[in-house]
C-alpha atoms as a PDB file:
ATOM      1  CA  MET A   1     -19.439  26.900   5.855  1.00  0.00           C
ATOM      2  CA  ASP A   2     -18.681  23.748   7.827  1.00  0.00           C
ATOM      3  CA  ILE A   3     -15.273  22.436   8.862  1.00  0.00           C
ATOM      4  CA  LYS A   4     -15.254  18.662   9.265  1.00  0.00           C
ATOM      5  CA  HIS A   5     -12.529  16.451  10.686  1.00  0.00           C
ATOM      6  CA  GLU A   6     -11.917  13.284   8.729  1.00  0.00           C
ATOM      7  CA  ASN A   7      -8.925  11.088   7.898  1.00  0.00           C
ATOM      8  CA  ASP A   8      -6.218  13.340   9.408  1.00  0.00           C
ATOM      9  CA  ARG A   9      -7.661  16.398   7.649  1.00  0.00           C
ATOM     10  CA  PHE A  10      -9.914  19.308   8.458  1.00  0.00           C
ATOM     11  CA  VAL A  11     -12.070  19.999   5.419  1.00  0.00           C
ATOM     12  CA  VAL A  12     -14.104  23.093   4.514  1.00  0.00           C
ATOM     13  CA  MET A  13     -17.432  21.993   3.079  1.00  0.00           C
ATOM     14  CA  GLU A  14     -20.133  24.091   1.462  1.00  0.00           C
ATOM     15  CA  ASP A  15     -23.176  22.452  -0.118  1.00  0.00           C
ATOM     16  CA  SER A  16     -21.389  19.060   0.031  1.00  0.00           C
ATOM     17  CA  GLU A  17     -18.459  20.434  -1.991  1.00  0.00           C
ATOM     18  CA  GLU A  18     -14.921  20.398  -0.592  1.00  0.00           C
ATOM     19  CA  LEU A  19     -13.518  23.913  -0.877  1.00  0.00           C
ATOM     20  CA  GLY A  20     -10.376  23.612   1.202  1.00  0.00           C
ATOM     21  CA  PHE A  21      -8.451  21.491   3.664  1.00  0.00           C
ATOM     22  CA  ILE A  22      -5.522  21.284   6.035  1.00  0.00           C
ATOM     23  CA  SER A  23      -3.860  17.900   6.437  1.00  0.00           C
ATOM     24  CA  TYR A  24      -1.548  16.479   9.063  1.00  0.00           C
ATOM     25  CA  VAL A  25       0.347  13.326   9.945  1.00  0.00           C
ATOM     26  CA  ALA A  26       0.019  12.200  13.553  1.00  0.00           C
ATOM     27  CA  ASN A  27       3.206  10.825  15.103  1.00  0.00           C
ATOM     28  CA  GLY A  28       2.956  10.271  18.845  1.00  0.00           C
ATOM     29  CA  ASP A  29       2.336  13.642  20.486  1.00  0.00           C
ATOM     30  CA  VAL A  30       3.155  15.635  17.338  1.00  0.00           C
ATOM     31  CA  LEU A  31       0.874  16.598  14.468  1.00  0.00           C
ATOM     32  CA  THR A  32       2.977  17.386  11.403  1.00  0.00           C
ATOM     33  CA  VAL A  33       0.896  19.776   9.313  1.00  0.00           C
ATOM     34  CA  ASP A  34       1.981  19.131   5.739  1.00  0.00           C
ATOM     35  CA  HIS A  35      -0.478  20.944   3.471  1.00  0.00           C
ATOM     36  CA  THR A  36      -3.143  23.637   3.398  1.00  0.00           C
ATOM     37  CA  GLU A  37      -5.239  24.299   0.325  1.00  0.00           C
ATOM     38  CA  VAL A  38      -8.169  26.633  -0.294  1.00  0.00           C
ATOM     39  CA  SER A  39     -10.270  26.930  -3.443  1.00  0.00           C
ATOM     40  CA  PRO A  40      -9.490  30.084  -5.450  1.00  0.00           C
ATOM     41  CA  GLN A  41     -13.079  31.255  -4.930  1.00  0.00           C
ATOM     42  CA  LEU A  42     -12.435  31.480  -1.164  1.00  0.00           C
ATOM     43  CA  GLU A  43      -8.936  32.995  -1.257  1.00  0.00           C
ATOM     44  CA  GLY A  44      -8.548  36.184   0.751  1.00  0.00           C
ATOM     45  CA  GLN A  45     -11.517  35.406   3.005  1.00  0.00           C
ATOM     46  CA  GLY A  46      -9.585  34.045   5.983  1.00  0.00           C
ATOM     47  CA  VAL A  47     -10.551  30.428   5.321  1.00  0.00           C
ATOM     48  CA  GLY A  48      -6.955  29.201   5.464  1.00  0.00           C
ATOM     49  CA  LYS A  49      -6.470  30.902   8.829  1.00  0.00           C
ATOM     50  CA  LYS A  50      -9.686  29.295  10.108  1.00  0.00           C
ATOM     51  CA  LEU A  51      -8.288  25.896   9.122  1.00  0.00           C
ATOM     52  CA  VAL A  52      -5.045  26.611  10.997  1.00  0.00           C
ATOM     53  CA  GLU A  53      -7.061  27.771  14.036  1.00  0.00           C
ATOM     54  CA  ARG A  54      -9.023  24.525  13.922  1.00  0.00           C
ATOM     55  CA  VAL A  55      -5.956  22.269  13.812  1.00  0.00           C
ATOM     56  CA  VAL A  56      -4.396  24.305  16.664  1.00  0.00           C
ATOM     57  CA  GLN A  57      -7.591  23.865  18.686  1.00  0.00           C
ATOM     58  CA  TYR A  58      -7.579  20.133  17.962  1.00  0.00           C
ATOM     59  CA  ALA A  59      -3.925  19.790  19.009  1.00  0.00           C
ATOM     60  CA  ARG A  60      -4.673  21.555  22.295  1.00  0.00           C
ATOM     61  CA  GLU A  61      -7.718  19.365  22.955  1.00  0.00           C
ATOM     62  CA  GLU A  62      -5.654  16.235  22.337  1.00  0.00           C
ATOM     63  CA  GLY A  63      -2.575  17.404  24.297  1.00  0.00           C
ATOM     64  CA  LYS A  64      -0.398  17.415  21.169  1.00  0.00           C
ATOM     65  CA  THR A  65       2.001  19.871  19.559  1.00  0.00           C
ATOM     66  CA  ILE A  66       2.315  20.970  15.925  1.00  0.00           C
ATOM     67  CA  ASP A  67       5.265  20.692  13.572  1.00  0.00           C
ATOM     68  CA  ALA A  68       4.268  23.189  10.854  1.00  0.00           C
ATOM     69  CA  GLN A  69       5.928  21.868   7.696  1.00  0.00           C
ATOM     70  CA  CYS A  70       3.351  23.629   5.508  1.00  0.00           C
ATOM     71  CA  PRO A  71       4.665  27.144   4.689  1.00  0.00           C
ATOM     72  CA  PHE A  72       1.191  28.688   4.984  1.00  0.00           C
ATOM     73  CA  THR A  73       0.534  27.116   8.387  1.00  0.00           C
ATOM     74  CA  SER A  74       3.980  28.131   9.610  1.00  0.00           C
ATOM     75  CA  ALA A  75       3.380  31.754   8.509  1.00  0.00           C
ATOM     76  CA  VAL A  76      -0.028  31.933  10.210  1.00  0.00           C
ATOM     77  CA  ILE A  77       1.378  30.563  13.468  1.00  0.00           C
ATOM     78  CA  GLU A  78       4.333  32.980  13.316  1.00  0.00           C
ATOM     79  CA  LYS A  79       1.967  35.957  12.877  1.00  0.00           C
ATOM     80  CA  ASN A  80      -0.298  34.896  15.759  1.00  0.00           C
ATOM     81  CA  PRO A  81       1.459  34.706  19.136  1.00  0.00           C
ATOM     82  CA  GLU A  82      -1.593  32.988  20.665  1.00  0.00           C
ATOM     83  CA  PHE A  83      -0.812  29.904  18.501  1.00  0.00           C
ATOM     84  CA  GLN A  84       2.891  29.655  19.244  1.00  0.00           C
ATOM     85  CA  ASP A  85       2.530  27.708  22.486  1.00  0.00           C
ATOM     86  CA  ILE A  86       1.434  24.692  20.452  1.00  0.00           C
ATOM     87  CA  LEU A  87       4.606  24.464  18.327  1.00  0.00           C
ATOM     88  CA  ALA A  88       6.732  21.340  18.737  1.00  0.00           C
ATOM     89  CA  LYS A  89      10.158  22.140  20.129  1.00  0.00           C
END
């Protein structure tokens, strides 16, 4: 399973098929994460969390913070203290 970054989205690809994504809107130093979606065939396998981890990693690399408007992303960040430093104040 590959995660690719394209057009303000991180996309899960398998055999050239898109099976999930997390999207964001960049605004200055803030990435507003607005949607996370995973194919039903991958639900329960931690793919959504991997997407959140990837956008957190990207925000850190770019010196940005995250405004988690997506309920799934917000829940994952709340459950993982190691991600909370990246939240926009």
